[in-house]
Amino acid sequence: MTVVPSDHFINIEDVFFSYPQSNLLALDGASLSVKRSEFACILGPSGCGKSTLLNILSGLFVPSKGRVTIDGDVVFNDGQMASGKLPRIGYVFQDDRLLPWRSVRQNIELALKSAAIPKSEWDGLVEHFLGLCGIGQYADTWPGNLSGGQRKRAAIARAMAIDPTSLLMDEPFSTLDEVNARFLRRELLELWQKTKQTILFVTHSVREAVYLADTIYIMTKGPGKVMERLTIDVARPRQYEDPRLTEIEGSIISSVLNYWGYYEPTAVQG
């Protein structure tokens, strides 16, 4: 059994997960650990179990085997929920999941209500986090009247407003054009540095992971397990054009080609 450091904020130890309807194995002994206030990325190909790991941490899925602890509390142990109450988790999905018949403010208030945060605090929290995300002027706007980037900012504000123990992000920028995604990645890092939030961010983009992360966990293709842990030792703020990031990106791509089932084309002899 792989043992992860006990002083880490999120610990996932030898977790297995199979989908009950099909018995399809999605995770095959995955282990990782995330320090408090760390920005960590899970990097892997489609279908490797990245989102499944986030769904386990959020309590949406129960692992078949393994142990999960958050902030020292055992959440799952050997396929069973070990505590009666899950920690408060902020979750930003690939799609924004804003209710179109509620304003941005009302969407955030619904999350605050679900988190049992006193109503007397709602106005201040809504204003604060929408302001941090740069969309305070859109509090009373319908989601359908916002751009894709604005809706994503609203979804991030909603996740952060509930004062979560950690923030889970599942490919949140994958539906945006690259220019807009770059702006939002930079803004996310600025938010993270202000809030000191613990973030676990799922992506299949090597460059995105290298640009964002303190630590990258590289998964095998499904059924997934963590095959490598990398520390990105590049000072912040980072620049996309930094040759050190390009070098790290190239090294990761070279190392994962076989693990992910991809192969370099053979040169054609003329």
Protein backbone atom coordinates (compact mmCIF):
# COMPACT_ATOMS: atom_id res chain seq x y z
CA MET A 1 0.00 0.00 0.00
CA THR A 2 1.36 3.41 -0.97
CA VAL A 3 1.66 5.72 2.04
CA VAL A 4 1.27 9.46 1.52
CA PRO A 5 2.51 12.09 3.99
CA SER A 6 0.21 12.49 6.99
CA ASP A 7 0.79 16.24 7.22
CA HIS A 8 -0.82 16.94 3.84
CA PHE A 9 -4.23 18.60 3.62
CA ILE A 10 -5.74 16.14 1.12
CA ASN A 11 -4.62 12.51 1.20
CA ILE A 12 -5.83 9.87 -1.26
CA GLU A 13 -4.35 6.46 -0.51
CA ASP A 14 -4.68 3.46 -2.86
CA VAL A 15 -8.18 4.35 -3.98
CA PHE A 16 -10.12 2.02 -6.27
CA PHE A 17 -13.42 2.86 -7.91
CA SER A 18 -15.71 0.81 -10.15
CA TYR A 19 -18.95 2.05 -11.66
CA PRO A 20 -21.72 0.00 -10.03
CA GLN A 21 -23.86 -0.48 -13.15
CA SER A 22 -21.08 -1.89 -15.31
CA ASN A 23 -18.33 -2.86 -12.83
CA LEU A 24 -16.01 -0.86 -15.09
CA LEU A 25 -12.83 -0.11 -13.15
CA ALA A 26 -12.10 3.64 -13.29
CA LEU A 27 -9.39 3.97 -10.60
CA ASP A 28 -6.81 1.29 -9.93
CA GLY A 29 -5.07 2.20 -6.67
CA ALA A 30 -4.66 5.95 -7.13
CA SER A 31 -2.68 7.88 -4.49
CA LEU A 32 -1.84 11.55 -4.14
CA SER A 33 -1.46 14.21 -1.47
CA VAL A 34 -1.93 17.98 -1.56
CA LYS A 35 -0.49 20.43 0.95
CA ARG A 36 -2.56 23.19 2.50
CA SER A 37 -2.73 26.27 0.22
CA GLU A 38 -1.03 24.35 -2.61
CA PHE A 39 -2.12 24.62 -6.25
CA ALA A 40 -2.01 21.04 -7.53
CA CYS A 41 -3.01 19.72 -10.96
CA ILE A 42 -4.10 16.24 -12.00
CA LEU A 43 -2.97 15.68 -15.58
CA GLY A 44 -4.11 12.78 -17.70
CA PRO A 45 -5.84 11.66 -20.89
CA SER A 46 -9.62 11.44 -21.28
CA GLY A 47 -11.12 8.51 -19.38
CA CYS A 48 -8.28 8.07 -16.89
CA GLY A 49 -10.35 8.82 -13.78
CA LYS A 50 -9.40 12.46 -13.15
CA SER A 51 -12.99 13.62 -12.65
CA THR A 52 -13.76 10.47 -10.67
CA LEU A 53 -11.13 11.49 -8.13
CA LEU A 54 -12.75 14.91 -7.72
CA ASN A 55 -16.19 13.32 -7.38
CA ILE A 56 -14.87 11.12 -4.58
CA LEU A 57 -13.37 14.11 -2.74
CA SER A 58 -16.67 15.97 -3.05
CA GLY A 59 -18.66 13.00 -1.76
CA LEU A 60 -20.52 12.37 -5.00
CA PHE A 61 -18.84 8.95 -5.38
CA VAL A 62 -17.81 6.43 -2.72
CA PRO A 63 -14.55 4.59 -3.49
CA SER A 64 -14.64 0.79 -3.71
CA LYS A 65 -11.44 0.55 -1.64
CA GLY A 66 -8.87 2.88 -0.17
CA ARG A 67 -8.62 5.74 2.29
CA VAL A 68 -9.34 9.48 1.86
CA THR A 69 -8.58 12.14 4.46
CA ILE A 70 -9.14 15.91 4.29
CA ASP A 71 -7.61 18.23 6.86
CA GLY A 72 -6.84 15.30 9.15
CA ASP A 73 -10.38 13.89 9.10
CA VAL A 74 -10.94 10.44 7.59
CA VAL A 75 -13.69 10.78 4.97
CA PHE A 76 -13.61 7.29 3.40
CA ASN A 77 -11.97 4.13 4.62
CA ASP A 78 -12.10 0.73 2.86
CA GLY A 79 -15.11 1.60 0.75
CA GLN A 80 -17.18 3.16 3.53
CA MET A 81 -17.87 6.73 4.57
CA ALA A 82 -15.92 7.09 7.80
CA SER A 83 -17.55 10.27 9.11
CA GLY A 84 -21.13 11.44 9.18
CA LYS A 85 -20.37 14.83 7.68
CA LEU A 86 -18.28 15.72 4.64
CA PRO A 87 -16.03 18.78 4.71
CA ARG A 88 -17.27 21.81 2.81
CA ILE A 89 -15.90 21.59 -0.75
CA GLY A 90 -16.07 24.19 -3.51
CA TYR A 91 -16.53 22.59 -6.94
CA VAL A 92 -16.12 24.31 -10.33
CA PHE A 93 -17.33 22.03 -13.11
CA GLN A 94 -16.44 22.00 -16.80
CA ASP A 95 -19.75 23.72 -17.53
CA ASP A 96 -20.73 26.63 -15.28
CA ARG A 97 -24.00 25.04 -14.01
CA LEU A 98 -25.60 28.42 -13.28
CA LEU A 99 -29.38 28.24 -13.07
CA PRO A 100 -30.61 30.41 -15.98
CA TRP A 101 -33.78 31.50 -14.18
CA ARG A 102 -31.80 32.96 -11.27
CA SER A 103 -29.56 36.01 -11.31
CA VAL A 104 -25.85 35.66 -10.57
CA ARG A 105 -26.54 36.86 -7.03
CA GLN A 106 -29.35 34.34 -6.56
CA ASN A 107 -27.16 31.50 -7.85
CA ILE A 108 -24.54 32.31 -5.24
CA GLU A 109 -27.16 32.74 -2.52
CA LEU A 110 -28.48 29.26 -3.30
CA ALA A 111 -25.00 27.84 -2.67
CA LEU A 112 -24.70 29.83 0.56
CA LYS A 113 -28.05 28.49 1.72
CA SER A 114 -27.01 24.90 0.94
CA ALA A 115 -23.82 25.46 2.95
CA ALA A 116 -25.90 26.69 5.95
CA ILE A 117 -24.19 30.08 5.96
CA PRO A 118 -26.27 32.65 7.90
CA LYS A 119 -28.43 34.84 5.65
CA SER A 120 -27.11 37.96 7.37
CA GLU A 121 -23.72 37.28 5.72
CA TRP A 122 -24.97 36.70 2.18
CA ASP A 123 -24.83 40.25 0.82
CA GLY A 124 -21.28 40.79 2.01
CA LEU A 125 -20.06 37.45 0.65
CA VAL A 126 -21.72 37.95 -2.75
CA GLU A 127 -20.25 41.43 -3.16
CA HIS A 128 -16.82 40.37 -1.93
CA PHE A 129 -16.33 37.34 -4.18
CA LEU A 130 -17.93 38.83 -7.28
CA GLY A 131 -15.64 41.80 -6.75
CA LEU A 132 -12.61 39.51 -6.41
CA CYS A 133 -13.62 37.82 -9.66
CA GLY A 134 -14.05 41.16 -11.42
CA ILE A 135 -17.77 40.92 -12.13
CA GLY A 136 -19.35 42.81 -9.24
CA GLN A 137 -21.40 44.89 -11.66
CA TYR A 138 -23.17 41.76 -12.94
CA ALA A 139 -24.60 40.57 -9.61
CA ASP A 140 -28.22 41.06 -10.72
CA THR A 141 -27.71 39.90 -14.32
CA TRP A 142 -29.20 36.71 -15.76
CA PRO A 143 -26.52 34.13 -16.67
CA GLY A 144 -27.79 34.03 -20.27
CA ASN A 145 -26.76 37.67 -20.69
CA LEU A 146 -23.16 37.01 -19.69
CA SER A 147 -20.25 35.96 -21.88
CA GLY A 148 -18.65 32.55 -21.40
CA GLY A 149 -15.78 34.08 -19.43
CA GLN A 150 -18.13 36.04 -17.19
CA ARG A 151 -20.19 32.94 -16.44
CA LYS A 152 -17.02 31.09 -15.54
CA ARG A 153 -16.02 33.90 -13.17
CA ALA A 154 -19.47 33.71 -11.58
CA ALA A 155 -19.08 29.94 -11.10
CA ILE A 156 -15.69 30.46 -9.42
CA ALA A 157 -17.15 33.17 -7.16
CA ARG A 158 -19.98 30.82 -6.18
CA ALA A 159 -17.54 28.03 -5.29
CA MET A 160 -15.31 30.31 -3.22
CA ALA A 161 -18.11 32.17 -1.42
CA ILE A 162 -19.05 29.16 0.73
CA ASP A 163 -15.63 29.25 2.45
CA PRO A 164 -14.67 25.73 1.37
CA THR A 165 -11.91 23.65 2.89
CA SER A 166 -10.57 23.21 -0.64
CA LEU A 167 -11.50 24.07 -4.21
CA LEU A 168 -11.94 21.36 -6.84
CA MET A 169 -11.82 22.45 -10.49
CA ASP A 170 -12.67 20.06 -13.33
CA GLU A 171 -11.29 21.41 -16.63
CA PRO A 172 -13.07 24.74 -16.02
CA PHE A 173 -11.50 26.55 -18.98
CA SER A 174 -11.65 23.79 -21.61
CA THR A 175 -14.73 25.25 -23.34
CA LEU A 176 -13.20 28.73 -23.76
CA ASP A 177 -11.04 30.02 -26.58
CA GLU A 178 -7.34 30.06 -25.74
CA VAL A 179 -7.03 33.84 -25.39
CA ASN A 180 -9.91 34.02 -22.91
CA ALA A 181 -8.66 30.93 -21.10
CA ARG A 182 -5.24 32.54 -20.62
CA PHE A 183 -6.79 35.62 -19.02
CA LEU A 184 -8.85 33.45 -16.68
CA ARG A 185 -5.89 31.28 -15.69
CA ARG A 186 -3.95 34.39 -14.75
CA GLU A 187 -6.92 35.76 -12.80
CA LEU A 188 -7.37 32.42 -11.02
CA LEU A 189 -3.75 32.51 -9.88
CA GLU A 190 -4.22 36.06 -8.59
CA LEU A 191 -7.31 34.92 -6.65
CA TRP A 192 -5.47 31.91 -5.27
CA GLN A 193 -2.59 34.07 -4.05
CA LYS A 194 -5.07 36.37 -2.27
CA THR A 195 -7.19 33.65 -0.67
CA LYS A 196 -4.50 30.98 -0.02
CA GLN A 197 -7.08 28.40 -1.02
CA THR A 198 -6.08 24.75 -1.50
CA ILE A 199 -6.82 23.96 -5.16
CA LEU A 200 -6.94 20.63 -6.98
CA PHE A 201 -7.31 21.31 -10.70
CA VAL A 202 -8.01 18.66 -13.35
CA THR A 203 -6.76 19.13 -16.91
CA HIS A 204 -5.58 17.18 -19.95
CA SER A 205 -3.54 20.19 -21.17
CA VAL A 206 0.16 19.87 -20.33
CA ARG A 207 0.82 23.59 -20.82
CA GLU A 208 -2.10 24.56 -18.58
CA ALA A 209 -0.84 22.29 -15.80
CA VAL A 210 2.74 23.55 -16.08
CA TYR A 211 1.62 27.19 -16.04
CA LEU A 212 -0.72 26.82 -13.04
CA ALA A 213 0.63 24.20 -10.70
CA ASP A 214 3.03 23.91 -7.80
CA THR A 215 2.70 20.14 -8.15
CA ILE A 216 1.47 17.97 -11.03
CA TYR A 217 0.17 14.43 -10.62
CA ILE A 218 0.39 12.57 -13.95
CA MET A 219 -2.07 9.70 -14.35
CA THR A 220 -1.93 6.64 -16.55
CA LYS A 221 -4.70 5.98 -19.05
CA GLY A 222 -7.74 4.30 -17.53
CA PRO A 223 -8.17 2.54 -15.23
CA GLY A 224 -6.17 5.33 -13.68
CA LYS A 225 -3.43 5.52 -11.12
CA VAL A 226 -0.85 8.23 -10.45
CA MET A 227 2.34 7.32 -12.29
CA GLU A 228 4.43 10.39 -11.47
CA ARG A 229 4.53 13.46 -9.21
CA LEU A 230 6.32 16.56 -10.47
CA THR A 231 7.21 19.79 -8.67
CA ILE A 232 7.18 22.86 -10.96
CA ASP A 233 10.04 24.91 -9.55
CA VAL A 234 9.46 28.09 -11.56
CA ALA A 235 8.93 31.37 -9.71
CA ARG A 236 5.61 33.23 -9.93
CA PRO A 237 4.25 35.19 -11.67
CA ARG A 238 4.92 32.97 -14.67
CA GLN A 239 4.90 33.84 -18.36
CA TYR A 240 3.56 31.49 -21.01
CA GLU A 241 6.62 32.13 -23.17
CA ASP A 242 9.10 31.25 -20.41
CA PRO A 243 11.54 28.74 -21.97
CA ARG A 244 11.69 26.85 -18.67
CA LEU A 245 7.96 26.10 -18.92
CA THR A 246 8.42 25.02 -22.54
CA GLU A 247 11.23 22.68 -21.51
CA ILE A 248 9.15 21.14 -18.71
CA GLU A 249 6.17 20.76 -21.06
CA GLY A 250 8.31 18.97 -23.64
CA SER A 251 9.76 16.65 -21.00
CA ILE A 252 6.29 15.71 -19.73
CA ILE A 253 4.96 15.06 -23.23
CA SER A 254 7.94 12.81 -24.02
CA SER A 255 7.45 10.84 -20.82
CA VAL A 256 3.71 10.25 -21.19
CA LEU A 257 3.49 9.23 -24.85
CA ASN A 258 3.77 5.51 -24.12
CA TYR A 259 1.86 5.68 -20.83
CA TRP A 260 -1.08 7.33 -22.56
CA GLY A 261 -0.98 5.02 -25.57
CA TYR A 262 0.40 7.57 -28.02
CA TYR A 263 3.45 7.01 -30.18
CA GLU A 264 5.70 9.24 -32.23
CA PRO A 265 5.16 8.71 -35.98
CA THR A 266 7.96 6.89 -37.75
CA ALA A 267 9.81 9.07 -40.22
CA VAL A 268 9.17 8.18 -43.85
CA GLN A 269 12.38 7.49 -45.75
CA GLY A 270 12.56 9.31 -49.07
